[in-house]
C-alpha atoms as a PDB file:
ATOM      1  CA  MET A   1      34.637  85.400 133.869  1.00  0.00           C
ATOM      2  CA  THR A   2      34.703  82.020 136.136  1.00  0.00           C
ATOM      3  CA  GLY A   3      37.614  81.719 138.516  1.00  0.00           C
ATOM      4  CA  ALA A   4      39.222  78.237 138.644  1.00  0.00           C
ATOM      5  CA  THR A   5      37.465  77.553 141.401  1.00  0.00           C
ATOM      6  CA  GLY A   6      34.016  78.827 140.121  1.00  0.00           C
ATOM      7  CA  THR A   7      30.602  76.681 139.920  1.00  0.00           C
ATOM      8  CA  THR A   8      29.664  77.840 136.689  1.00  0.00           C
ATOM      9  CA  GLY A   9      32.342  76.010 134.479  1.00  0.00           C
ATOM     10  CA  ALA A  10      31.246  72.367 133.050  1.00  0.00           C
ATOM     11  CA  GLY A  11      32.846  70.000 135.749  1.00  0.00           C
ATOM     12  CA  PRO A  12      32.747  66.103 135.561  1.00  0.00           C
ATOM     13  CA  ALA A  13      28.967  65.456 136.740  1.00  0.00           C
ATOM     14  CA  ARG A  14      28.649  63.763 140.130  1.00  0.00           C
ATOM     15  CA  ARG A  15      26.989  59.997 140.025  1.00  0.00           C
ATOM     16  CA  GLY A  16      24.397  59.220 142.664  1.00  0.00           C
ATOM     17  CA  ARG A  17      24.984  57.389 145.229  1.00  0.00           C
ATOM     18  CA  GLY A  18      25.088  53.538 144.029  1.00  0.00           C
ATOM     19  CA  ARG A  19      25.195  53.950 140.609  1.00  0.00           C
ATOM     20  CA  PRO A  20      28.191  52.723 138.918  1.00  0.00           C
ATOM     21  CA  SER A  21      30.673  54.758 137.374  1.00  0.00           C
ATOM     22  CA  ARG A  22      31.393  54.412 133.487  1.00  0.00           C
ATOM     23  CA  ARG A  23      34.489  52.761 133.875  1.00  0.00           C
ATOM     24  CA  GLU A  24      31.716  50.035 136.186  1.00  0.00           C
ATOM     25  CA  THR A  25      29.201  49.940 133.684  1.00  0.00           C
ATOM     26  CA  ALA A  26      31.664  48.824 131.055  1.00  0.00           C
ATOM     27  CA  ALA A  27      32.680  46.090 133.234  1.00  0.00           C
ATOM     28  CA  ALA A  28      29.323  45.146 134.312  1.00  0.00           C
ATOM     29  CA  PRO A  29      29.065  41.527 132.721  1.00  0.00           C
ATOM     30  CA  ALA A  30      32.503  41.271 134.689  1.00  0.00           C
ATOM     31  CA  THR A  31      31.487  42.567 137.517  1.00  0.00           C
ATOM     32  CA  ARG A  32      27.932  40.815 137.965  1.00  0.00           C
ATOM     33  CA  ASP A  33      30.059  37.336 137.612  1.00  0.00           C
ATOM     34  CA  CYS A  34      32.062  38.367 140.066  1.00  0.00           C
ATOM     35  CA  ILE A  35      29.502  39.283 142.534  1.00  0.00           C
ATOM     36  CA  LEU A  36      27.524  35.722 141.709  1.00  0.00           C
ATOM     37  CA  GLU A  37      30.733  33.682 142.413  1.00  0.00           C
ATOM     38  CA  ALA A  38      31.348  35.431 146.130  1.00  0.00           C
ATOM     39  CA  ALA A  39      27.238  35.072 146.809  1.00  0.00           C
ATOM     40  CA  ARG A  40      27.717  31.600 145.936  1.00  0.00           C
ATOM     41  CA  GLU A  41      30.521  31.106 148.134  1.00  0.00           C
ATOM     42  CA  GLU A  42      28.899  33.036 150.573  1.00  0.00           C
ATOM     43  CA  PHE A  43      25.675  31.390 150.800  1.00  0.00           C
ATOM     44  CA  SER A  44      27.906  27.679 150.960  1.00  0.00           C
ATOM     45  CA  GLU A  45      29.815  28.909 153.711  1.00  0.00           C
ATOM     46  CA  ARG A  46      27.472  30.682 155.872  1.00  0.00           C
ATOM     47  CA  GLY A  47      23.952  29.632 154.764  1.00  0.00           C
ATOM     48  CA  TYR A  48      21.625  32.309 153.796  1.00  0.00           C
ATOM     49  CA  ASP A  49      20.797  34.014 157.694  1.00  0.00           C
ATOM     50  CA  LYS A  50      24.443  34.737 157.927  1.00  0.00           C
ATOM     51  CA  THR A  51      25.501  35.705 154.772  1.00  0.00           C
ATOM     52  CA  SER A  52      25.291  39.810 154.647  1.00  0.00           C
ATOM     53  CA  VAL A  53      25.354  42.087 151.152  1.00  0.00           C
ATOM     54  CA  ARG A  54      28.153  44.137 152.795  1.00  0.00           C
ATOM     55  CA  GLY A  55      30.042  40.280 152.930  1.00  0.00           C
ATOM     56  CA  ILE A  56      29.021  39.554 149.660  1.00  0.00           C
ATOM     57  CA  ALA A  57      30.221  42.905 148.195  1.00  0.00           C
ATOM     58  CA  LYS A  58      34.065  41.986 150.608  1.00  0.00           C
ATOM     59  CA  ALA A  59      34.162  38.978 148.816  1.00  0.00           C
ATOM     60  CA  ALA A  60      33.748  40.246 145.307  1.00  0.00           C
ATOM     61  CA  GLY A  61      36.167  43.467 146.217  1.00  0.00           C
ATOM     62  CA  VAL A  62      33.337  45.882 145.552  1.00  0.00           C
ATOM     63  CA  ASP A  63      31.099  48.070 147.066  1.00  0.00           C
ATOM     64  CA  SER A  64      27.700  46.795 148.616  1.00  0.00           C
ATOM     65  CA  ALA A  65      26.020  49.519 146.785  1.00  0.00           C
ATOM     66  CA  LEU A  66      26.864  47.544 143.201  1.00  0.00           C
ATOM     67  CA  VAL A  67      25.337  44.810 144.750  1.00  0.00           C
ATOM     68  CA  HIS A  68      22.259  46.486 145.331  1.00  0.00           C
ATOM     69  CA  HIS A  69      22.833  48.019 141.923  1.00  0.00           C
ATOM     70  CA  TYR A  70      23.126  44.531 140.064  1.00  0.00           C
ATOM     71  CA  PHE A  71      20.506  42.491 142.030  1.00  0.00           C
ATOM     72  CA  GLY A  72      18.545  44.691 144.911  1.00  0.00           C
ATOM     73  CA  THR A  73      17.958  42.494 148.148  1.00  0.00           C
ATOM     74  CA  LYS A  74      19.708  39.734 149.818  1.00  0.00           C
ATOM     75  CA  GLU A  75      16.549  37.524 148.576  1.00  0.00           C
ATOM     76  CA  GLN A  76      17.541  38.795 144.803  1.00  0.00           C
ATOM     77  CA  VAL A  77      21.081  38.072 145.192  1.00  0.00           C
ATOM     78  CA  PHE A  78      20.182  34.525 146.315  1.00  0.00           C
ATOM     79  CA  GLU A  79      17.728  33.467 143.743  1.00  0.00           C
ATOM     80  CA  ALA A  80      20.060  34.854 140.730  1.00  0.00           C
ATOM     81  CA  ALA A  81      22.926  32.878 142.238  1.00  0.00           C
ATOM     82  CA  ILE A  82      21.078  29.652 142.870  1.00  0.00           C
ATOM     83  CA  GLU A  83      19.771  29.930 139.205  1.00  0.00           C
ATOM     84  CA  VAL A  84      23.152  29.749 137.738  1.00  0.00           C
ATOM     85  CA  ALA A  85      24.130  27.136 140.459  1.00  0.00           C
ATOM     86  CA  PHE A  86      20.807  24.916 140.279  1.00  0.00           C
ATOM     87  CA  ALA A  87      21.278  25.191 135.978  1.00  0.00           C
ATOM     88  CA  PRO A  88      22.804  21.465 135.294  1.00  0.00           C
ATOM     89  CA  ALA A  89      19.946  20.534 137.011  1.00  0.00           C
ATOM     90  CA  LEU A  90      17.162  22.389 134.274  1.00  0.00           C
ATOM     91  CA  SER A  91      18.022  20.084 131.721  1.00  0.00           C
ATOM     92  CA  ALA A  92      16.282  17.216 133.241  1.00  0.00           C
ATOM     93  CA  PRO A  93      13.253  17.376 131.414  1.00  0.00           C
ATOM     94  CA  ASP A  94      15.038  16.681 128.529  1.00  0.00           C
ATOM     95  CA  ALA A  95      16.041  13.712 129.738  1.00  0.00           C
ATOM     96  CA  VAL A  96      12.496  12.954 130.295  1.00  0.00           C
ATOM     97  CA  ALA A  97      11.632  13.799 127.097  1.00  0.00           C
ATOM     98  CA  GLU A  98      14.220  12.160 125.083  1.00  0.00           C
ATOM     99  CA  GLY A  99      13.581   8.349 124.542  1.00  0.00           C
ATOM    100  CA  PRO A 100      11.475   5.626 125.109  1.00  0.00           C
ATOM    101  CA  ARG A 101       8.491   6.667 127.564  1.00  0.00           C
ATOM    102  CA  ASP A 102       8.947   2.947 129.734  1.00  0.00           C
ATOM    103  CA  ALA A 103      13.051   3.944 130.575  1.00  0.00           C
ATOM    104  CA  VAL A 104      11.937   7.813 131.938  1.00  0.00           C
ATOM    105  CA  GLY A 105      12.689   6.465 135.637  1.00  0.00           C
ATOM    106  CA  GLU A 106      15.897   5.551 134.720  1.00  0.00           C
ATOM    107  CA  ARG A 107      16.945   8.276 132.437  1.00  0.00           C
ATOM    108  CA  LEU A 108      15.585  10.893 135.211  1.00  0.00           C
ATOM    109  CA  THR A 109      17.047   8.883 137.981  1.00  0.00           C
ATOM    110  CA  ARG A 110      20.710   8.822 136.367  1.00  0.00           C
ATOM    111  CA  PHE A 111      20.278  12.067 135.259  1.00  0.00           C
ATOM    112  CA  VAL A 112      19.449  13.725 138.683  1.00  0.00           C
ATOM    113  CA  LEU A 113      22.141  11.042 141.007  1.00  0.00           C
ATOM    114  CA  GLY A 114      24.657  12.395 138.128  1.00  0.00           C
ATOM    115  CA  ILE A 115      24.763  15.975 139.124  1.00  0.00           C
ATOM    116  CA  TRP A 116      25.116  15.212 142.599  1.00  0.00           C
ATOM    117  CA  GLU A 117      28.265  12.124 141.922  1.00  0.00           C
ATOM    118  CA  ASN A 118      30.110  15.415 140.231  1.00  0.00           C
ATOM    119  CA  PRO A 119      31.751  17.594 142.947  1.00  0.00           C
ATOM    120  CA  ALA A 120      31.352  20.939 140.417  1.00  0.00           C
ATOM    121  CA  THR A 121      27.537  20.771 140.234  1.00  0.00           C
ATOM    122  CA  ARG A 122      27.477  19.155 143.670  1.00  0.00           C
ATOM    123  CA  THR A 123      28.605  21.949 145.809  1.00  0.00           C
ATOM    124  CA  PRO A 124      26.941  24.640 144.666  1.00  0.00           C
ATOM    125  CA  LEU A 125      23.381  22.461 145.107  1.00  0.00           C
ATOM    126  CA  LEU A 126      24.754  21.629 148.906  1.00  0.00           C
ATOM    127  CA  ALA A 127      24.604  25.466 149.151  1.00  0.00           C
ATOM    128  CA  ILE A 128      21.070  25.612 147.979  1.00  0.00           C
ATOM    129  CA  VAL A 129      19.996  22.778 149.795  1.00  0.00           C
ATOM    130  CA  ARG A 130      21.679  23.773 152.978  1.00  0.00           C
ATOM    131  CA  SER A 131      20.128  27.629 153.011  1.00  0.00           C
ATOM    132  CA  ALA A 132      16.462  25.942 151.949  1.00  0.00           C
ATOM    133  CA  VAL A 133      16.774  23.657 155.001  1.00  0.00           C
ATOM    134  CA  ASN A 134      17.439  26.547 157.525  1.00  0.00           C
ATOM    135  CA  ASN A 135      15.578  29.798 156.415  1.00  0.00           C
ATOM    136  CA  GLU A 136      11.950  29.909 155.244  1.00  0.00           C
ATOM    137  CA  THR A 137      13.279  33.212 152.618  1.00  0.00           C
ATOM    138  CA  ALA A 138      15.676  30.567 151.259  1.00  0.00           C
ATOM    139  CA  ALA A 139      13.224  28.054 150.872  1.00  0.00           C
ATOM    140  CA  ALA A 140      10.510  30.228 149.170  1.00  0.00           C
ATOM    141  CA  VAL A 141      13.126  31.071 146.435  1.00  0.00           C
ATOM    142  CA  PHE A 142      13.941  27.787 146.025  1.00  0.00           C
ATOM    143  CA  ARG A 143      10.516  26.092 145.476  1.00  0.00           C
ATOM    144  CA  ARG A 144       9.727  28.812 142.735  1.00  0.00           C
ATOM    145  CA  LEU A 145      12.535  27.986 141.180  1.00  0.00           C
ATOM    146  CA  VAL A 146      11.827  24.344 141.404  1.00  0.00           C
ATOM    147  CA  ALA A 147       8.136  24.617 140.466  1.00  0.00           C
ATOM    148  CA  ALA A 148       8.677  27.165 138.254  1.00  0.00           C
ATOM    149  CA  GLN A 149      11.533  26.110 135.881  1.00  0.00           C
ATOM    150  CA  LEU A 150      11.830  22.177 136.302  1.00  0.00           C
ATOM    151  CA  LEU A 151       8.587  20.732 137.930  1.00  0.00           C
ATOM    152  CA  ARG A 152       6.145  22.121 135.297  1.00  0.00           C
ATOM    153  CA  ARG A 153       8.113  21.543 132.585  1.00  0.00           C
ATOM    154  CA  ILE A 154       8.988  17.464 133.471  1.00  0.00           C
ATOM    155  CA  SER A 155       4.825  17.429 134.244  1.00  0.00           C
ATOM    156  CA  GLY A 156       4.073  18.824 130.991  1.00  0.00           C
ATOM    157  CA  GLN A 157       6.418  16.301 129.021  1.00  0.00           C
ATOM    158  CA  LEU A 158       3.877  13.568 130.713  1.00  0.00           C
ATOM    159  CA  GLY A 159       0.576  14.346 129.253  1.00  0.00           C
ATOM    160  CA  LEU A 160      -1.356  13.397 132.285  1.00  0.00           C
ATOM    161  CA  PRO A 161      -4.414  14.357 134.379  1.00  0.00           C
ATOM    162  CA  ASP A 162      -2.140  13.959 137.329  1.00  0.00           C
ATOM    163  CA  ALA A 163       1.211  15.336 135.605  1.00  0.00           C
ATOM    164  CA  GLU A 164       2.356  17.897 138.311  1.00  0.00           C
ATOM    165  CA  LEU A 165       1.319  15.723 141.415  1.00  0.00           C
ATOM    166  CA  ARG A 166       3.873  12.528 139.486  1.00  0.00           C
ATOM    167  CA  ALA A 167       6.334  15.134 138.856  1.00  0.00           C
ATOM    168  CA  GLU A 168       6.516  16.168 142.777  1.00  0.00           C
ATOM    169  CA  LEU A 169       6.244  12.363 143.780  1.00  0.00           C
ATOM    170  CA  ALA A 170       9.473  11.604 141.414  1.00  0.00           C
ATOM    171  CA  ALA A 171      11.046  14.527 142.632  1.00  0.00           C
ATOM    172  CA  ALA A 172       9.937  13.749 146.509  1.00  0.00           C
ATOM    173  CA  GLN A 173      11.732  10.122 145.874  1.00  0.00           C
ATOM    174  CA  LEU A 174      15.328  11.868 144.592  1.00  0.00           C
ATOM    175  CA  VAL A 175      15.718  14.790 146.319  1.00  0.00           C
ATOM    176  CA  GLY A 176      15.134  12.460 149.428  1.00  0.00           C
ATOM    177  CA  ILE A 177      17.967  10.212 148.322  1.00  0.00           C
ATOM    178  CA  ALA A 178      20.416  13.272 147.596  1.00  0.00           C
ATOM    179  CA  MET A 179      19.664  14.641 151.002  1.00  0.00           C
ATOM    180  CA  LEU A 180      20.514  10.945 152.853  1.00  0.00           C
ATOM    181  CA  ARG A 181      23.281  10.341 150.686  1.00  0.00           C
ATOM    182  CA  TYR A 182      25.096  13.988 149.663  1.00  0.00           C
ATOM    183  CA  VAL A 183      24.101  15.909 152.576  1.00  0.00           C
ATOM    184  CA  ILE A 184      23.192  13.622 155.661  1.00  0.00           C
ATOM    185  CA  LYS A 185      25.270  11.339 154.637  1.00  0.00           C
ATOM    186  CA  VAL A 186      24.026   8.329 156.088  1.00  0.00           C
ATOM    187  CA  GLU A 187      25.570   4.603 155.619  1.00  0.00           C
ATOM    188  CA  PRO A 188      25.035   2.722 153.847  1.00  0.00           C
ATOM    189  CA  LEU A 189      23.429   4.495 151.490  1.00  0.00           C
ATOM    190  CA  ALA A 190      26.229   7.108 151.449  1.00  0.00           C
ATOM    191  CA  SER A 191      28.829   4.692 150.264  1.00  0.00           C
ATOM    192  CA  ALA A 192      26.403   2.283 148.131  1.00  0.00           C
ATOM    193  CA  ASP A 193      27.190   1.817 143.737  1.00  0.00           C
ATOM    194  CA  LEU A 194      25.885   4.515 141.702  1.00  0.00           C
ATOM    195  CA  GLU A 195      24.262   1.721 139.707  1.00  0.00           C
ATOM    196  CA  GLN A 196      22.930   0.099 142.588  1.00  0.00           C
ATOM    197  CA  LEU A 197      21.155   2.836 143.491  1.00  0.00           C
ATOM    198  CA  VAL A 198      20.034   3.760 139.937  1.00  0.00           C
ATOM    199  CA  ALA A 199      18.581   0.245 139.240  1.00  0.00           C
ATOM    200  CA  ARG A 200      16.795   0.308 142.477  1.00  0.00           C
ATOM    201  CA  VAL A 201      15.349   3.659 142.693  1.00  0.00           C
ATOM    202  CA  ALA A 202      14.332   4.284 138.785  1.00  0.00           C
ATOM    203  CA  PRO A 203      11.416   1.784 139.089  1.00  0.00           C
ATOM    204  CA  VAL A 204      10.085   3.191 142.053  1.00  0.00           C
ATOM    205  CA  VAL A 205      10.686   6.659 140.183  1.00  0.00           C
ATOM    206  CA  GLN A 206       9.115   5.294 137.179  1.00  0.00           C
ATOM    207  CA  GLY A 207       6.196   4.138 138.859  1.00  0.00           C
ATOM    208  CA  HIS A 208       5.513   7.508 140.254  1.00  0.00           C
ATOM    209  CA  LEU A 209       5.828   9.427 136.613  1.00  0.00           C
ATOM    210  CA  THR A 210       3.930   6.738 134.530  1.00  0.00           C
ATOM    211  CA  ASN A 211       1.757   4.317 136.469  1.00  0.00           C
ATOM    212  CA  PRO A 212      -1.735   4.064 136.357  1.00  0.00           C
END
């Protein structure tokens, strides 16, 4: 016979440290989204170096063990967060594929600058760029994402022997303009009319992508 304080009864199983409870498991999608949102805000406000897993957890209202459980290290949290933030830009290869080849430069230029013009998509991109510029770990994550999910897909649409280099040169042109216009805010570029920019930049991007 076992007393009320005995140890042989079938009491509730004790979960291991860092493992989510049943309630937390049921709410996993919402919890992950909350952590990712908090991570994007933390990286945006503090940059990669000054952001910590503990700070992300505090901002999300969860235990730091949950951040590690769902994502792993800070680098992995950063990668997951920027994949979501970078998602609108991943449609750029579609802009290359759709429409006549001799207008691909204009389509890609208009698409990329359009993402930066929209405050809803510009804010998370600013966080990504600032973190990548200031920290090599963040830069490596950003390079991996851009190379694997963006540039290789664009180069695959071109069907040219040096397509990867062409795609990188076009991206460098557009990223450079974005840095000066939206991050550093150099005038008169920062205040220039978008259509004027597209008219001037699109032929250069076109040349990188398709000229002999």
